[in-house]
Amino acid sequence: VLNRQTIEVQSGNFSSWWENKSRKDQFARGENEKHLKEIGKLRQAALRTAQWADKGEGTKIGFYRTASIKEHERAVGSRDYIGAKSKKMQSRAKQMEKRIEREIEAKEGLLADLEQPVDLKIVPLEHYKKVLVNVRDYSIRYAGAESPVFSGLTFQIEKGERIALHGENGCGKSTFIKRLFEKTIIADTSMGIVETGDCETASGLVVSYVSQDTSMLRGRISEFCLANNLEESLFCAILRQLDMERVQFSKNMEDYSEGQKKKVLLAASLLTPAHLYLWDEPLNYIDVFSRMQIEKLLLEYQPTMMFVEHDRRFREQVATRVVELG
């Protein structure tokens, strides 16, 4: 498991990991609260000791002028006596401060792995039509191939739906997602593809697409934002929310890790207002806390979308229904 600050090796799936982590976090919070109370008591005791020590020091300085000095102190009193008493109390105060420092140091790191994901935002657009995509008996075959990638695909995407496109590896999920996106842009690149049946999109449909392929990411963040008409400061803010270090912003994207590249595509999609979001394996190489951020985002904002994702729990949590392919 890739946490943001640690790496864990656990058997099981995300659900079992999340259950274990929630239990551990709950216990750690309880322990932390207990220790904070103990530290608070120690601080109060140290403050009282310091006040006593300060009072003793003031008594020594004003011994012959202060009327409030008790009689037994006068009987044994002298500046030397008061000074020794003050010194002892100052020593106690310092010992208490050191004790508090040791206690605080011992509790440091208690919440080291209690990571709380920052909430993300998305800007879905409202389309005037209820049905945004209508697919009827649709098939795709690559030119020169004898068999289609898939055939007989029939479904609709209505506003508010979050559809998981599911099927075996190689059944054409990514091919369909990409082709659906291409139908909504001016530069429709259908060369080399033979289609039968219908795959219609609503007029004026704006689509935000996250590709499974990240090989096109080249150059600096600033260049990427300029090419994709993205506000650079907002884009970098989203990347920071996804826990990307600022130092990465000055590097070339081809040198990013696969997880960082995926976060670039996700951040661009989140910053792009759209009627329909098409995400192809958005969780590839993503740490568990970014995964949790994305899941929470989709459940909160409920954008209309179709996605491909092998993570079964994510599909079950996010999708309103599943379309089987192949």
Protein backbone atom coordinates (compact mmCIF):
# COMPACT_ATOMS: atom_id res chain seq x y z
CA VAL A 1 0.00 0.00 0.00
CA LEU A 2 1.42 3.38 -1.03
CA ASN A 3 0.55 5.81 1.74
CA ARG A 4 1.84 9.33 1.27
CA GLN A 5 4.40 9.02 4.04
CA THR A 6 4.90 5.27 4.40
CA ILE A 7 4.76 2.02 2.46
CA GLU A 8 2.89 -0.96 3.89
CA VAL A 9 2.77 -4.57 2.75
CA GLN A 10 -0.62 -6.12 3.49
CA SER A 11 -2.59 -9.06 2.18
CA GLY A 12 -6.14 -8.46 1.01
CA ASN A 13 -7.80 -5.73 -1.00
CA PHE A 14 -8.53 -2.03 -0.53
CA SER A 15 -11.60 -2.74 1.60
CA SER A 16 -9.64 -4.82 4.11
CA TRP A 17 -6.84 -2.25 4.16
CA TRP A 18 -9.31 0.59 4.75
CA GLU A 19 -11.02 -1.30 7.55
CA ASN A 20 -7.68 -1.99 9.23
CA LYS A 21 -6.50 1.58 8.78
CA SER A 22 -9.74 3.04 10.17
CA ARG A 23 -9.39 0.83 13.25
CA LYS A 24 -5.74 1.82 13.72
CA ASP A 25 -6.50 5.50 13.21
CA GLN A 26 -9.34 5.43 15.72
CA PHE A 27 -7.05 3.87 18.33
CA ALA A 28 -4.25 6.34 17.53
CA ARG A 29 -6.61 9.31 17.87
CA GLY A 30 -7.72 8.04 21.28
CA GLU A 31 -4.13 7.59 22.39
CA ASN A 32 -3.21 11.00 21.03
CA GLU A 33 -6.08 12.68 22.87
CA LYS A 34 -4.99 10.99 26.10
CA HIS A 35 -1.39 12.12 25.67
CA LEU A 36 -2.44 15.67 24.82
CA LYS A 37 -4.38 15.84 28.07
CA GLU A 38 -1.32 14.58 29.97
CA ILE A 39 0.87 17.17 28.27
CA GLY A 40 -1.66 19.88 29.13
CA LYS A 41 -1.51 18.91 32.81
CA LEU A 42 2.28 18.95 32.72
CA ARG A 43 2.26 22.42 31.16
CA GLN A 44 -0.05 23.71 33.89
CA ALA A 45 2.18 22.22 36.58
CA ALA A 46 5.24 23.77 34.97
CA LEU A 47 3.50 27.15 34.82
CA ARG A 48 2.62 26.97 38.52
CA THR A 49 6.19 25.98 39.39
CA ALA A 50 7.57 28.86 37.31
CA GLN A 51 5.20 31.28 39.05
CA TRP A 52 6.34 30.04 42.47
CA ALA A 53 9.96 30.39 41.42
CA ASP A 54 9.35 33.93 40.15
CA LYS A 55 7.61 34.81 43.40
CA GLY A 56 10.58 33.51 45.39
CA GLU A 57 13.00 35.55 43.27
CA GLY A 58 10.87 38.67 43.81
CA THR A 59 10.83 38.04 47.56
CA LYS A 60 14.62 37.89 47.63
CA ILE A 61 14.96 41.20 45.81
CA GLY A 62 12.44 43.05 47.95
CA PHE A 63 13.05 41.30 51.28
CA TYR A 64 13.68 44.38 53.47
CA ARG A 65 11.00 46.48 51.82
CA THR A 66 8.13 43.97 51.52
CA ALA A 67 5.64 43.95 54.36
CA SER A 68 4.01 40.73 53.16
CA ILE A 69 6.97 38.50 54.12
CA LYS A 70 5.80 35.89 56.61
CA GLU A 71 7.22 35.98 60.16
CA HIS A 72 8.78 32.50 59.99
CA GLU A 73 10.62 33.62 56.82
CA ARG A 74 11.96 36.64 58.75
CA ALA A 75 13.03 34.32 61.60
CA VAL A 76 15.15 32.23 59.30
CA GLY A 77 15.37 34.93 56.75
CA SER A 78 18.21 36.43 54.99
CA ARG A 79 18.88 37.11 51.35
CA ASP A 80 20.99 33.95 51.26
CA TYR A 81 18.12 31.81 52.52
CA ILE A 82 15.57 33.29 50.12
CA GLY A 83 18.11 33.06 47.29
CA ALA A 84 18.71 29.37 47.92
CA LYS A 85 15.00 28.72 48.06
CA SER A 86 14.44 30.63 44.83
CA LYS A 87 17.25 28.77 43.11
CA LYS A 88 15.75 25.45 44.12
CA MET A 89 12.35 26.40 42.72
CA GLN A 90 13.92 27.63 39.49
CA SER A 91 15.68 24.27 39.22
CA ARG A 92 12.39 22.46 39.72
CA ALA A 93 10.82 24.58 36.99
CA LYS A 94 13.60 23.70 34.56
CA GLN A 95 13.31 20.02 35.42
CA MET A 96 9.58 20.19 34.75
CA GLU A 97 10.18 21.90 31.39
CA LYS A 98 12.64 19.17 30.41
CA ARG A 99 10.13 16.54 31.46
CA ILE A 100 7.49 18.14 29.25
CA GLU A 101 9.93 18.31 26.33
CA ARG A 102 10.71 14.62 26.71
CA GLU A 103 7.00 13.80 26.88
CA ILE A 104 6.21 15.83 23.78
CA GLU A 105 9.13 14.27 21.93
CA ALA A 106 7.91 10.80 22.91
CA LYS A 107 4.47 11.60 21.44
CA GLU A 108 5.79 13.09 18.22
CA GLY A 109 4.89 10.98 15.24
CA LEU A 110 1.78 9.56 16.91
CA LEU A 111 -0.32 10.99 14.10
CA ALA A 112 2.38 10.51 11.47
CA ASP A 113 0.21 8.28 9.30
CA LEU A 114 -3.20 9.76 10.10
CA GLU A 115 -3.38 11.34 6.68
CA GLN A 116 -6.52 13.30 5.82
CA PRO A 117 -7.08 13.80 2.08
CA VAL A 118 -7.90 17.32 0.93
CA ASP A 119 -11.27 17.69 -0.77
CA LEU A 120 -11.15 18.11 -4.55
CA LYS A 121 -13.64 19.97 -6.75
CA ILE A 122 -15.02 19.45 -10.23
CA VAL A 123 -17.09 21.73 -12.48
CA PRO A 124 -19.71 19.69 -14.37
CA LEU A 125 -21.85 21.49 -16.96
CA GLU A 126 -25.60 21.08 -17.30
CA HIS A 127 -26.82 19.92 -20.74
CA TYR A 128 -30.32 20.64 -21.93
CA LYS A 129 -30.88 17.06 -23.11
CA LYS A 130 -31.56 14.08 -20.86
CA VAL A 131 -29.78 11.53 -23.09
CA LEU A 132 -26.20 12.55 -23.81
CA VAL A 133 -24.99 9.40 -25.61
CA ASN A 134 -27.03 6.86 -27.55
CA VAL A 135 -25.31 3.65 -28.70
CA ARG A 136 -27.20 1.03 -30.75
CA ASP A 137 -25.79 -2.27 -32.04
CA TYR A 138 -22.40 -0.60 -32.35
CA SER A 139 -19.18 -2.32 -33.37
CA ILE A 140 -15.62 -1.29 -34.16
CA ARG A 141 -13.17 -3.11 -36.40
CA TYR A 142 -9.68 -2.00 -37.31
CA ALA A 143 -9.11 -1.68 -41.05
CA GLY A 144 -7.58 -4.88 -42.40
CA ALA A 145 -8.71 -6.98 -39.43
CA GLU A 146 -11.18 -9.79 -39.97
CA SER A 147 -12.86 -9.69 -36.56
CA PRO A 148 -14.29 -6.64 -34.76
CA VAL A 149 -12.79 -5.43 -31.50
CA PHE A 150 -16.34 -5.65 -30.14
CA SER A 151 -19.82 -5.79 -31.58
CA GLY A 152 -23.48 -5.39 -30.65
CA LEU A 153 -22.89 -2.71 -28.01
CA THR A 154 -26.14 -1.00 -27.00
CA PHE A 155 -26.73 1.48 -24.16
CA GLN A 156 -27.47 5.12 -23.33
CA ILE A 157 -25.80 7.63 -21.04
CA GLU A 158 -28.27 9.92 -19.30
CA LYS A 159 -27.54 13.01 -17.25
CA GLY A 160 -26.37 12.16 -13.73
CA GLU A 161 -25.30 8.61 -14.53
CA ARG A 162 -21.85 7.30 -13.66
CA ILE A 163 -21.40 4.24 -15.84
CA ALA A 164 -18.62 1.72 -15.38
CA LEU A 165 -17.61 0.08 -18.65
CA HIS A 166 -16.52 -3.41 -17.69
CA GLY A 167 -15.05 -6.35 -19.54
CA GLU A 168 -12.06 -8.61 -19.94
CA ASN A 169 -8.66 -7.22 -20.88
CA GLY A 170 -8.44 -6.57 -24.61
CA CYS A 171 -12.21 -6.46 -25.18
CA GLY A 172 -12.11 -2.87 -26.49
CA LYS A 173 -12.98 -0.72 -23.46
CA SER A 174 -10.22 1.83 -24.07
CA THR A 175 -10.89 1.78 -27.80
CA PHE A 176 -14.56 2.65 -27.26
CA ILE A 177 -13.87 5.35 -24.65
CA LYS A 178 -11.35 7.04 -26.95
CA ARG A 179 -13.63 6.76 -29.99
CA LEU A 180 -16.54 8.27 -28.05
CA PHE A 181 -14.34 11.22 -27.10
CA GLU A 182 -13.18 11.66 -30.70
CA LYS A 183 -16.78 11.98 -31.86
CA THR A 184 -17.22 15.13 -29.75
CA ILE A 185 -14.15 17.04 -30.98
CA ILE A 186 -13.63 18.89 -34.24
CA ALA A 187 -10.58 16.87 -35.28
CA ASP A 188 -12.33 13.49 -35.46
CA THR A 189 -9.52 10.98 -36.01
CA SER A 190 -11.39 7.90 -37.19
CA MET A 191 -8.77 6.81 -39.74
CA GLY A 192 -8.13 3.09 -39.67
CA ILE A 193 -11.41 2.31 -37.90
CA VAL A 194 -14.47 0.69 -39.45
CA GLU A 195 -17.72 1.27 -37.54
CA THR A 196 -21.15 -0.26 -37.85
CA GLY A 197 -24.30 0.62 -35.92
CA ASP A 198 -24.88 3.94 -34.19
CA CYS A 199 -22.92 5.93 -31.62
CA GLU A 200 -24.56 9.34 -31.33
CA THR A 201 -23.76 12.21 -28.98
CA ALA A 202 -25.96 15.13 -28.01
CA SER A 203 -25.43 18.38 -29.90
CA GLY A 204 -22.82 20.66 -28.32
CA LEU A 205 -21.67 17.99 -25.89
CA VAL A 206 -18.48 18.98 -24.05
CA VAL A 207 -16.37 16.03 -22.93
CA SER A 208 -13.40 15.85 -20.57
CA TYR A 209 -11.20 12.85 -21.28
CA VAL A 210 -8.55 11.09 -19.18
CA SER A 211 -6.56 8.68 -21.31
CA GLN A 212 -4.96 5.50 -20.05
CA ASP A 213 -1.92 6.44 -22.14
CA THR A 214 0.34 9.14 -20.66
CA SER A 215 3.13 9.00 -23.25
CA MET A 216 1.99 12.27 -24.83
CA LEU A 217 3.02 14.26 -21.73
CA ARG A 218 6.12 16.26 -22.65
CA GLY A 219 7.69 19.51 -21.53
CA ARG A 220 6.90 21.69 -18.53
CA ILE A 221 3.65 22.18 -16.66
CA SER A 222 3.48 25.77 -17.94
CA GLU A 223 3.58 24.54 -21.55
CA PHE A 224 0.93 21.91 -20.86
CA CYS A 225 -1.41 24.50 -19.33
CA LEU A 226 -0.92 26.89 -22.25
CA ALA A 227 -1.61 24.17 -24.82
CA ASN A 228 -4.77 23.01 -23.00
CA ASN A 229 -6.08 26.47 -22.04
CA LEU A 230 -5.74 25.82 -18.31
CA GLU A 231 -5.14 28.39 -15.59
CA GLU A 232 -1.66 27.42 -14.42
CA SER A 233 -2.03 28.57 -10.80
CA LEU A 234 -5.29 26.64 -10.34
CA PHE A 235 -3.84 23.62 -12.12
CA CYS A 236 -0.80 23.54 -9.82
CA ALA A 237 -3.07 24.02 -6.79
CA ILE A 238 -4.98 20.85 -7.75
CA LEU A 239 -1.73 18.96 -8.20
CA ARG A 240 -0.65 20.10 -4.73
CA GLN A 241 -3.99 18.83 -3.36
CA LEU A 242 -3.11 15.51 -4.99
CA ASP A 243 0.16 15.65 -3.02
CA MET A 244 2.51 16.45 -5.89
CA GLU A 245 5.60 18.30 -4.66
CA ARG A 246 6.19 21.83 -5.96
CA VAL A 247 9.67 20.86 -7.13
CA GLN A 248 8.04 18.74 -9.85
CA PHE A 249 6.50 21.80 -11.50
CA SER A 250 9.87 22.91 -12.87
CA LYS A 251 10.69 19.46 -14.30
CA ASN A 252 9.80 17.97 -17.66
CA MET A 253 6.71 15.77 -17.48
CA GLU A 254 8.40 12.94 -19.36
CA ASP A 255 10.56 12.53 -16.24
CA TYR A 256 7.54 12.15 -13.95
CA SER A 257 6.56 8.83 -12.41
CA GLU A 258 3.53 7.10 -13.90
CA GLY A 259 1.46 8.13 -10.88
CA GLN A 260 2.47 11.78 -11.30
CA LYS A 261 1.60 11.66 -15.01
CA LYS A 262 -1.82 10.27 -14.19
CA LYS A 263 -2.35 13.08 -11.68
CA VAL A 264 -1.55 15.61 -14.41
CA LEU A 265 -4.31 14.18 -16.62
CA LEU A 266 -6.76 14.01 -13.71
CA ALA A 267 -6.02 17.60 -12.65
CA ALA A 268 -6.59 18.79 -16.22
CA SER A 269 -9.92 16.95 -16.34
CA LEU A 270 -11.05 18.35 -12.98
CA LEU A 271 -10.26 21.86 -14.19
CA THR A 272 -12.19 21.41 -17.44
CA PRO A 273 -15.94 22.15 -17.23
CA ALA A 274 -17.76 19.40 -19.13
CA HIS A 275 -21.13 17.74 -19.66
CA LEU A 276 -19.55 14.27 -19.73
CA TYR A 277 -16.36 12.90 -18.19
CA LEU A 278 -14.66 9.92 -19.84
CA TRP A 279 -11.95 8.42 -17.64
CA ASP A 280 -9.91 5.43 -18.73
CA GLU A 281 -8.37 3.67 -15.69
CA PRO A 282 -8.01 6.84 -13.57
CA LEU A 283 -6.56 4.96 -10.58
CA ASN A 284 -3.55 3.47 -12.40
CA TYR A 285 -0.42 4.06 -10.26
CA ILE A 286 -2.39 6.34 -7.91
CA ASP A 287 -1.73 6.28 -4.15
CA VAL A 288 -4.61 5.26 -1.89
CA PHE A 289 -5.23 8.76 -0.54
CA SER A 290 -5.60 10.26 -4.02
CA ARG A 291 -7.92 7.35 -4.76
CA MET A 292 -10.02 8.27 -1.73
CA GLN A 293 -10.07 11.92 -2.82
CA ILE A 294 -11.31 10.96 -6.28
CA GLU A 295 -13.99 8.64 -4.93
CA LYS A 296 -15.28 11.28 -2.52
CA LEU A 297 -15.28 13.90 -5.27
CA LEU A 298 -17.39 11.81 -7.64
CA LEU A 299 -19.90 10.87 -4.96
CA GLU A 300 -20.23 14.49 -3.82
CA TYR A 301 -20.47 16.29 -7.19
CA GLN A 302 -22.08 13.39 -9.14
CA PRO A 303 -20.86 14.35 -12.62
CA THR A 304 -22.17 12.47 -15.63
CA MET A 305 -19.43 10.08 -16.63
CA MET A 306 -18.33 6.79 -18.10
CA PHE A 307 -15.17 5.21 -16.75
CA VAL A 308 -13.04 2.10 -17.06
CA GLU A 309 -11.54 0.87 -13.82
CA HIS A 310 -10.35 -2.56 -12.66
CA ASP A 311 -10.73 -1.68 -8.98
CA ARG A 312 -13.96 -3.53 -8.12
CA ARG A 313 -14.62 -1.64 -4.90
CA PHE A 314 -14.25 1.71 -6.69
CA ARG A 315 -16.74 0.56 -9.35
CA GLU A 316 -19.20 -0.57 -6.72
CA GLN A 317 -18.91 2.67 -4.76
CA VAL A 318 -18.98 5.13 -7.66
CA ALA A 319 -20.93 3.61 -10.55
CA THR A 320 -24.69 4.01 -10.78
CA ARG A 321 -24.69 1.07 -13.22
CA VAL A 322 -22.37 -1.17 -15.19
CA VAL A 323 -22.24 -1.74 -18.96
CA GLU A 324 -20.63 -5.03 -19.94
CA LEU A 325 -18.48 -5.13 -23.07
CA GLY A 326 -17.52 -8.37 -24.78
